[in-house]
Amino acid sequence: MGILENKARARLFYKYLSRVYDRINPFVWTEEMRADALTLLDFSDDPTVLDVGCGTGFATEGLLEHVEEVYAIDQSEHQLEQAYAKFGKRGPVHFHRGDAERLPFATDAFDVVWSSGSIEYWPDPVRTLREFRRVLKPGGQVLVVGPNTPDDPIARRLADAMMLFYDEYEADRMFKTAGFEEVRHAFMGPSYSPEVAITTVARAPE
């Protein structure tokens, strides 16, 4: 388990990173990548949407291009403060501070659960994905963006020492073990590293 696959350490990390997050983030998680990921989801019929690990609201902003309101949750109060400054505490985004492993929402509450830049910090990804499945309506969609494992063995060891990196085979295993169906993957990234991220889309059983 990597250093940042620990909730307390991750919160401390984001206490400081939140101050510069929106200046650094575009170098690894671009608007083009966000737009490409959004095309993988079905937003017909005005779905209810949850953004898990919303951070400062970068993905939330993209989701609001497709739906009128978004529920958003993050464990970092410092990241959420940045998000409040963008969207306000009352408006189209319903913010919650909480844990992805214990979502404070009813079973079968959402049509879409989105999570980008969060899975790499989860101590138990399968447990968290099962929690996503719990809050999804039958047939609902999940989309998770995470870091693709590096090809270079040395880079891979360094990456794994920090947080979770995984390939499409591990993603397939995690999502299917959590009970999802129709699991598919897409690689994306900025021009200088076009496969830095792996995006997985799947559905909850009907």
C-alpha atoms as a PDB file:
ATOM      1  CA  MET A   1       0.000   0.000   0.000  1.00  0.00           C
ATOM      2  CA  GLY A   2       1.355   3.421  -0.953  1.00  0.00           C
ATOM      3  CA  ILE A   3       2.086   6.251   1.449  1.00  0.00           C
ATOM      4  CA  LEU A   4      -0.995   8.240   0.391  1.00  0.00           C
ATOM      5  CA  GLU A   5      -3.386   5.267   0.481  1.00  0.00           C
ATOM      6  CA  ASN A   6      -4.083   6.364   4.025  1.00  0.00           C
ATOM      7  CA  LYS A   7      -6.924   8.756   4.772  1.00  0.00           C
ATOM      8  CA  ALA A   8      -5.130  10.832   7.382  1.00  0.00           C
ATOM      9  CA  ARG A   9      -2.028  11.243   5.214  1.00  0.00           C
ATOM     10  CA  ALA A  10      -4.139  12.096   2.173  1.00  0.00           C
ATOM     11  CA  ARG A  11      -6.016  14.780   4.132  1.00  0.00           C
ATOM     12  CA  LEU A  12      -2.717  16.286   5.295  1.00  0.00           C
ATOM     13  CA  PHE A  13      -1.354  16.154   1.751  1.00  0.00           C
ATOM     14  CA  TYR A  14      -4.349  18.072   0.407  1.00  0.00           C
ATOM     15  CA  LYS A  15      -4.224  20.595   3.222  1.00  0.00           C
ATOM     16  CA  TYR A  16      -1.184  22.027   1.440  1.00  0.00           C
ATOM     17  CA  LEU A  17      -1.837  20.954  -2.149  1.00  0.00           C
ATOM     18  CA  SER A  18      -5.275  22.629  -2.152  1.00  0.00           C
ATOM     19  CA  ARG A  19      -3.557  26.037  -2.169  1.00  0.00           C
ATOM     20  CA  VAL A  20      -2.053  25.401  -5.619  1.00  0.00           C
ATOM     21  CA  TYR A  21      -4.177  22.510  -6.879  1.00  0.00           C
ATOM     22  CA  ASP A  22      -6.022  24.445  -9.585  1.00  0.00           C
ATOM     23  CA  ARG A  23      -2.727  25.714 -11.000  1.00  0.00           C
ATOM     24  CA  ILE A  24      -1.075  22.279 -11.068  1.00  0.00           C
ATOM     25  CA  ASN A  25      -4.037  20.092 -12.014  1.00  0.00           C
ATOM     26  CA  PRO A  26      -4.366  21.229 -15.671  1.00  0.00           C
ATOM     27  CA  PHE A  27      -0.972  19.727 -16.473  1.00  0.00           C
ATOM     28  CA  VAL A  28      -2.188  16.184 -15.721  1.00  0.00           C
ATOM     29  CA  TRP A  29      -6.011  16.352 -15.857  1.00  0.00           C
ATOM     30  CA  THR A  30      -7.013  18.660 -18.675  1.00  0.00           C
ATOM     31  CA  GLU A  31     -10.321  20.049 -19.878  1.00  0.00           C
ATOM     32  CA  GLU A  32      -9.938  17.926 -23.021  1.00  0.00           C
ATOM     33  CA  MET A  33      -9.513  14.778 -20.930  1.00  0.00           C
ATOM     34  CA  ARG A  34     -12.545  15.725 -18.864  1.00  0.00           C
ATOM     35  CA  ALA A  35     -14.599  16.311 -22.009  1.00  0.00           C
ATOM     36  CA  ASP A  36     -13.520  12.949 -23.446  1.00  0.00           C
ATOM     37  CA  ALA A  37     -14.501  11.173 -20.221  1.00  0.00           C
ATOM     38  CA  LEU A  38     -17.895  12.892 -20.159  1.00  0.00           C
ATOM     39  CA  THR A  39     -18.707  11.528 -23.619  1.00  0.00           C
ATOM     40  CA  LEU A  40     -18.591   8.012 -22.151  1.00  0.00           C
ATOM     41  CA  LEU A  41     -21.671   8.666 -20.007  1.00  0.00           C
ATOM     42  CA  ASP A  42     -25.354   8.792 -20.852  1.00  0.00           C
ATOM     43  CA  PHE A  43     -26.871  12.034 -19.586  1.00  0.00           C
ATOM     44  CA  SER A  44     -30.308  11.585 -21.120  1.00  0.00           C
ATOM     45  CA  ASP A  45     -33.419  11.925 -18.943  1.00  0.00           C
ATOM     46  CA  ASP A  46     -31.792  14.396 -16.511  1.00  0.00           C
ATOM     47  CA  PRO A  47     -29.906  11.895 -14.325  1.00  0.00           C
ATOM     48  CA  THR A  48     -29.091  12.350 -10.647  1.00  0.00           C
ATOM     49  CA  VAL A  49     -25.292  12.610 -10.440  1.00  0.00           C
ATOM     50  CA  LEU A  50     -22.769  12.136  -7.623  1.00  0.00           C
ATOM     51  CA  ASP A  51     -19.150  13.337  -7.850  1.00  0.00           C
ATOM     52  CA  VAL A  52     -17.017  11.388  -5.346  1.00  0.00           C
ATOM     53  CA  GLY A  53     -13.710  12.990  -4.412  1.00  0.00           C
ATOM     54  CA  CYS A  54     -14.835  16.232  -6.008  1.00  0.00           C
ATOM     55  CA  GLY A  55     -11.827  18.174  -4.749  1.00  0.00           C
ATOM     56  CA  THR A  56     -11.919  21.789  -5.881  1.00  0.00           C
ATOM     57  CA  GLY A  57     -14.728  21.047  -8.338  1.00  0.00           C
ATOM     58  CA  PHE A  58     -12.925  20.649 -11.659  1.00  0.00           C
ATOM     59  CA  ALA A  59     -14.950  17.600 -12.708  1.00  0.00           C
ATOM     60  CA  THR A  60     -18.070  19.026 -11.073  1.00  0.00           C
ATOM     61  CA  GLU A  61     -17.846  21.968 -13.426  1.00  0.00           C
ATOM     62  CA  GLY A  62     -17.805  19.626 -16.413  1.00  0.00           C
ATOM     63  CA  LEU A  63     -20.731  17.613 -15.083  1.00  0.00           C
ATOM     64  CA  LEU A  64     -22.780  20.802 -14.779  1.00  0.00           C
ATOM     65  CA  GLU A  65     -22.486  21.221 -18.535  1.00  0.00           C
ATOM     66  CA  HIS A  66     -24.758  18.169 -18.812  1.00  0.00           C
ATOM     67  CA  VAL A  67     -27.041  18.297 -15.765  1.00  0.00           C
ATOM     68  CA  GLU A  68     -28.607  21.050 -13.675  1.00  0.00           C
ATOM     69  CA  GLU A  69     -27.361  19.869 -10.281  1.00  0.00           C
ATOM     70  CA  VAL A  70     -24.634  17.655  -8.878  1.00  0.00           C
ATOM     71  CA  TYR A  71     -24.119  16.057  -5.479  1.00  0.00           C
ATOM     72  CA  ALA A  72     -20.447  16.230  -4.532  1.00  0.00           C
ATOM     73  CA  ILE A  73     -18.416  14.771  -1.681  1.00  0.00           C
ATOM     74  CA  ASP A  74     -14.794  14.994  -0.550  1.00  0.00           C
ATOM     75  CA  GLN A  75     -12.947  14.158   2.659  1.00  0.00           C
ATOM     76  CA  SER A  76     -10.698  17.240   2.506  1.00  0.00           C
ATOM     77  CA  GLU A  77     -12.114  20.372   4.084  1.00  0.00           C
ATOM     78  CA  HIS A  78      -9.359  22.361   2.378  1.00  0.00           C
ATOM     79  CA  GLN A  79     -10.288  21.141  -1.090  1.00  0.00           C
ATOM     80  CA  LEU A  80     -13.955  21.792  -0.356  1.00  0.00           C
ATOM     81  CA  GLU A  81     -13.206  25.360   0.684  1.00  0.00           C
ATOM     82  CA  GLN A  82     -11.806  25.941  -2.794  1.00  0.00           C
ATOM     83  CA  ALA A  83     -14.927  24.395  -4.305  1.00  0.00           C
ATOM     84  CA  TYR A  84     -17.235  26.571  -2.165  1.00  0.00           C
ATOM     85  CA  ALA A  85     -15.451  29.646  -3.513  1.00  0.00           C
ATOM     86  CA  LYS A  86     -16.368  28.597  -7.056  1.00  0.00           C
ATOM     87  CA  PHE A  87     -19.912  27.345  -6.624  1.00  0.00           C
ATOM     88  CA  GLY A  88     -21.108  28.670  -3.270  1.00  0.00           C
ATOM     89  CA  LYS A  89     -22.475  26.452  -0.520  1.00  0.00           C
ATOM     90  CA  ARG A  90     -26.009  26.687  -1.865  1.00  0.00           C
ATOM     91  CA  GLY A  91     -26.716  26.344  -5.540  1.00  0.00           C
ATOM     92  CA  PRO A  92     -26.440  23.703  -8.254  1.00  0.00           C
ATOM     93  CA  VAL A  93     -23.856  21.713  -6.264  1.00  0.00           C
ATOM     94  CA  HIS A  94     -24.903  19.973  -3.055  1.00  0.00           C
ATOM     95  CA  PHE A  95     -21.647  19.540  -1.149  1.00  0.00           C
ATOM     96  CA  HIS A  96     -20.940  16.968   1.545  1.00  0.00           C
ATOM     97  CA  ARG A  97     -17.786  16.264   3.496  1.00  0.00           C
ATOM     98  CA  GLY A  98     -17.340  12.547   3.937  1.00  0.00           C
ATOM     99  CA  ASP A  99     -15.715   9.244   3.132  1.00  0.00           C
ATOM    100  CA  ALA A 100     -16.011   7.435  -0.200  1.00  0.00           C
ATOM    101  CA  GLU A 101     -16.179   4.114   1.662  1.00  0.00           C
ATOM    102  CA  ARG A 102     -19.240   5.245   3.657  1.00  0.00           C
ATOM    103  CA  LEU A 103     -21.288   7.488   1.419  1.00  0.00           C
ATOM    104  CA  PRO A 104     -24.006   9.426   3.297  1.00  0.00           C
ATOM    105  CA  PHE A 105     -26.644   8.678   0.680  1.00  0.00           C
ATOM    106  CA  ALA A 106     -29.532   6.257   0.354  1.00  0.00           C
ATOM    107  CA  THR A 107     -29.337   3.024  -1.589  1.00  0.00           C
ATOM    108  CA  ASP A 108     -30.356   3.373  -5.263  1.00  0.00           C
ATOM    109  CA  ALA A 109     -30.104   7.168  -5.101  1.00  0.00           C
ATOM    110  CA  PHE A 110     -28.121   8.029  -8.255  1.00  0.00           C
ATOM    111  CA  ASP A 111     -28.136   7.379 -11.989  1.00  0.00           C
ATOM    112  CA  VAL A 112     -24.457   8.291 -12.365  1.00  0.00           C
ATOM    113  CA  VAL A 113     -21.512   8.116  -9.959  1.00  0.00           C
ATOM    114  CA  TRP A 114     -18.376   9.876 -11.172  1.00  0.00           C
ATOM    115  CA  SER A 115     -14.966   9.867  -9.499  1.00  0.00           C
ATOM    116  CA  SER A 116     -11.765  11.337 -10.966  1.00  0.00           C
ATOM    117  CA  GLY A 117      -8.419  11.605  -9.225  1.00  0.00           C
ATOM    118  CA  SER A 118      -9.644   9.835  -6.111  1.00  0.00           C
ATOM    119  CA  ILE A 119      -9.249   6.054  -6.474  1.00  0.00           C
ATOM    120  CA  GLU A 120      -5.477   6.276  -6.058  1.00  0.00           C
ATOM    121  CA  TYR A 121      -6.006   7.269  -2.402  1.00  0.00           C
ATOM    122  CA  TRP A 122      -8.537   4.579  -1.481  1.00  0.00           C
ATOM    123  CA  PRO A 123      -7.197   2.017   1.012  1.00  0.00           C
ATOM    124  CA  ASP A 124      -9.660  -0.608  -0.295  1.00  0.00           C
ATOM    125  CA  PRO A 125     -10.819   0.137  -3.861  1.00  0.00           C
ATOM    126  CA  VAL A 126     -13.169  -2.848  -4.151  1.00  0.00           C
ATOM    127  CA  ARG A 127     -14.945  -1.910  -0.936  1.00  0.00           C
ATOM    128  CA  THR A 128     -15.376   1.642  -2.212  1.00  0.00           C
ATOM    129  CA  LEU A 129     -16.642   0.455  -5.588  1.00  0.00           C
ATOM    130  CA  ARG A 130     -19.193  -1.719  -3.812  1.00  0.00           C
ATOM    131  CA  GLU A 131     -20.350   1.398  -1.988  1.00  0.00           C
ATOM    132  CA  PHE A 132     -20.708   3.115  -5.365  1.00  0.00           C
ATOM    133  CA  ARG A 133     -22.839   0.206  -6.548  1.00  0.00           C
ATOM    134  CA  ARG A 134     -25.007   0.504  -3.442  1.00  0.00           C
ATOM    135  CA  VAL A 135     -25.933   4.130  -4.120  1.00  0.00           C
ATOM    136  CA  LEU A 136     -26.434   3.566  -7.851  1.00  0.00           C
ATOM    137  CA  LYS A 137     -29.855   2.762  -9.206  1.00  0.00           C
ATOM    138  CA  PRO A 138     -30.130  -0.582 -11.033  1.00  0.00           C
ATOM    139  CA  GLY A 139     -28.577  -0.064 -14.453  1.00  0.00           C
ATOM    140  CA  GLY A 140     -26.861   3.138 -13.308  1.00  0.00           C
ATOM    141  CA  GLN A 141     -23.452   4.123 -14.604  1.00  0.00           C
ATOM    142  CA  VAL A 142     -20.160   4.522 -12.791  1.00  0.00           C
ATOM    143  CA  LEU A 143     -17.107   6.279 -14.203  1.00  0.00           C
ATOM    144  CA  VAL A 144     -13.741   6.295 -12.438  1.00  0.00           C
ATOM    145  CA  VAL A 145     -10.582   8.030 -13.660  1.00  0.00           C
ATOM    146  CA  GLY A 146      -7.335   6.882 -12.098  1.00  0.00           C
ATOM    147  CA  PRO A 147      -3.604   6.734 -12.817  1.00  0.00           C
ATOM    148  CA  ASN A 148      -2.412   4.181 -15.352  1.00  0.00           C
ATOM    149  CA  THR A 149       0.497   2.084 -14.144  1.00  0.00           C
ATOM    150  CA  PRO A 150       3.839   3.167 -15.690  1.00  0.00           C
ATOM    151  CA  ASP A 151       5.526   0.829 -18.173  1.00  0.00           C
ATOM    152  CA  ASP A 152       9.002   1.393 -16.767  1.00  0.00           C
ATOM    153  CA  PRO A 153       9.671  -0.995 -13.832  1.00  0.00           C
ATOM    154  CA  ILE A 154      11.541   1.604 -11.761  1.00  0.00           C
ATOM    155  CA  ALA A 155       8.850   4.241 -12.303  1.00  0.00           C
ATOM    156  CA  ARG A 156       6.248   1.616 -11.401  1.00  0.00           C
ATOM    157  CA  ARG A 157       7.913   0.834  -8.085  1.00  0.00           C
ATOM    158  CA  LEU A 158       8.179   4.529  -7.231  1.00  0.00           C
ATOM    159  CA  ALA A 159       4.558   5.128  -8.196  1.00  0.00           C
ATOM    160  CA  ASP A 160       3.297   2.164  -6.164  1.00  0.00           C
ATOM    161  CA  ALA A 161       5.212   3.417  -3.135  1.00  0.00           C
ATOM    162  CA  MET A 162       3.134   6.599  -3.244  1.00  0.00           C
ATOM    163  CA  MET A 163      -0.398   5.507  -4.175  1.00  0.00           C
ATOM    164  CA  LEU A 164      -2.452   3.107  -6.261  1.00  0.00           C
ATOM    165  CA  PHE A 165      -1.520   2.799  -9.934  1.00  0.00           C
ATOM    166  CA  TYR A 166      -3.219   0.084 -11.999  1.00  0.00           C
ATOM    167  CA  ASP A 167      -3.732  -1.221 -15.544  1.00  0.00           C
ATOM    168  CA  GLU A 168      -6.891  -2.240 -17.391  1.00  0.00           C
ATOM    169  CA  TYR A 169      -6.624  -5.853 -16.195  1.00  0.00           C
ATOM    170  CA  GLU A 170      -6.580  -4.787 -12.537  1.00  0.00           C
ATOM    171  CA  ALA A 171      -9.374  -2.293 -13.214  1.00  0.00           C
ATOM    172  CA  ASP A 172     -11.413  -5.077 -14.799  1.00  0.00           C
ATOM    173  CA  ARG A 173     -10.858  -7.286 -11.761  1.00  0.00           C
ATOM    174  CA  MET A 174     -11.771  -4.566  -9.249  1.00  0.00           C
ATOM    175  CA  PHE A 175     -14.968  -3.505 -10.970  1.00  0.00           C
ATOM    176  CA  LYS A 176     -16.191  -7.036 -11.634  1.00  0.00           C
ATOM    177  CA  THR A 177     -15.375  -8.135  -8.084  1.00  0.00           C
ATOM    178  CA  ALA A 178     -17.434  -5.160  -6.870  1.00  0.00           C
ATOM    179  CA  GLY A 179     -20.371  -6.464  -8.903  1.00  0.00           C
ATOM    180  CA  PHE A 180     -20.377  -4.182 -11.939  1.00  0.00           C
ATOM    181  CA  GLU A 181     -21.261  -5.234 -15.465  1.00  0.00           C
ATOM    182  CA  GLU A 182     -20.417  -3.965 -18.974  1.00  0.00           C
ATOM    183  CA  VAL A 183     -16.954  -2.901 -17.772  1.00  0.00           C
ATOM    184  CA  ARG A 184     -14.876  -1.031 -20.354  1.00  0.00           C
ATOM    185  CA  HIS A 185     -11.756   1.111 -20.262  1.00  0.00           C
ATOM    186  CA  ALA A 186     -10.268   4.060 -22.127  1.00  0.00           C
ATOM    187  CA  PHE A 187      -6.809   5.576 -21.866  1.00  0.00           C
ATOM    188  CA  MET A 188      -6.367   9.328 -21.974  1.00  0.00           C
ATOM    189  CA  GLY A 189      -3.909  12.023 -21.101  1.00  0.00           C
ATOM    190  CA  PRO A 190      -2.280  15.279 -22.189  1.00  0.00           C
ATOM    191  CA  SER A 191      -0.300  15.328 -25.434  1.00  0.00           C
ATOM    192  CA  TYR A 192       3.021  14.639 -23.721  1.00  0.00           C
ATOM    193  CA  SER A 193       1.663  11.521 -21.967  1.00  0.00           C
ATOM    194  CA  PRO A 194      -1.466  10.307 -23.779  1.00  0.00           C
ATOM    195  CA  GLU A 195      -2.033   7.219 -21.612  1.00  0.00           C
ATOM    196  CA  VAL A 196      -1.302   8.631 -18.160  1.00  0.00           C
ATOM    197  CA  ALA A 197      -4.897   8.031 -17.016  1.00  0.00           C
ATOM    198  CA  ILE A 198      -7.216   5.055 -17.239  1.00  0.00           C
ATOM    199  CA  THR A 199     -10.950   5.712 -17.322  1.00  0.00           C
ATOM    200  CA  THR A 200     -13.304   2.850 -16.481  1.00  0.00           C
ATOM    201  CA  VAL A 201     -17.033   2.914 -17.176  1.00  0.00           C
ATOM    202  CA  ALA A 202     -19.442   0.225 -15.989  1.00  0.00           C
ATOM    203  CA  ARG A 203     -23.047  -0.361 -14.999  1.00  0.00           C
ATOM    204  CA  ALA A 204     -24.766  -1.591 -11.864  1.00  0.00           C
ATOM    205  CA  PRO A 205     -26.793  -4.758 -12.447  1.00  0.00           C
ATOM    206  CA  GLU A 206     -30.435  -4.271 -13.402  1.00  0.00           C
END
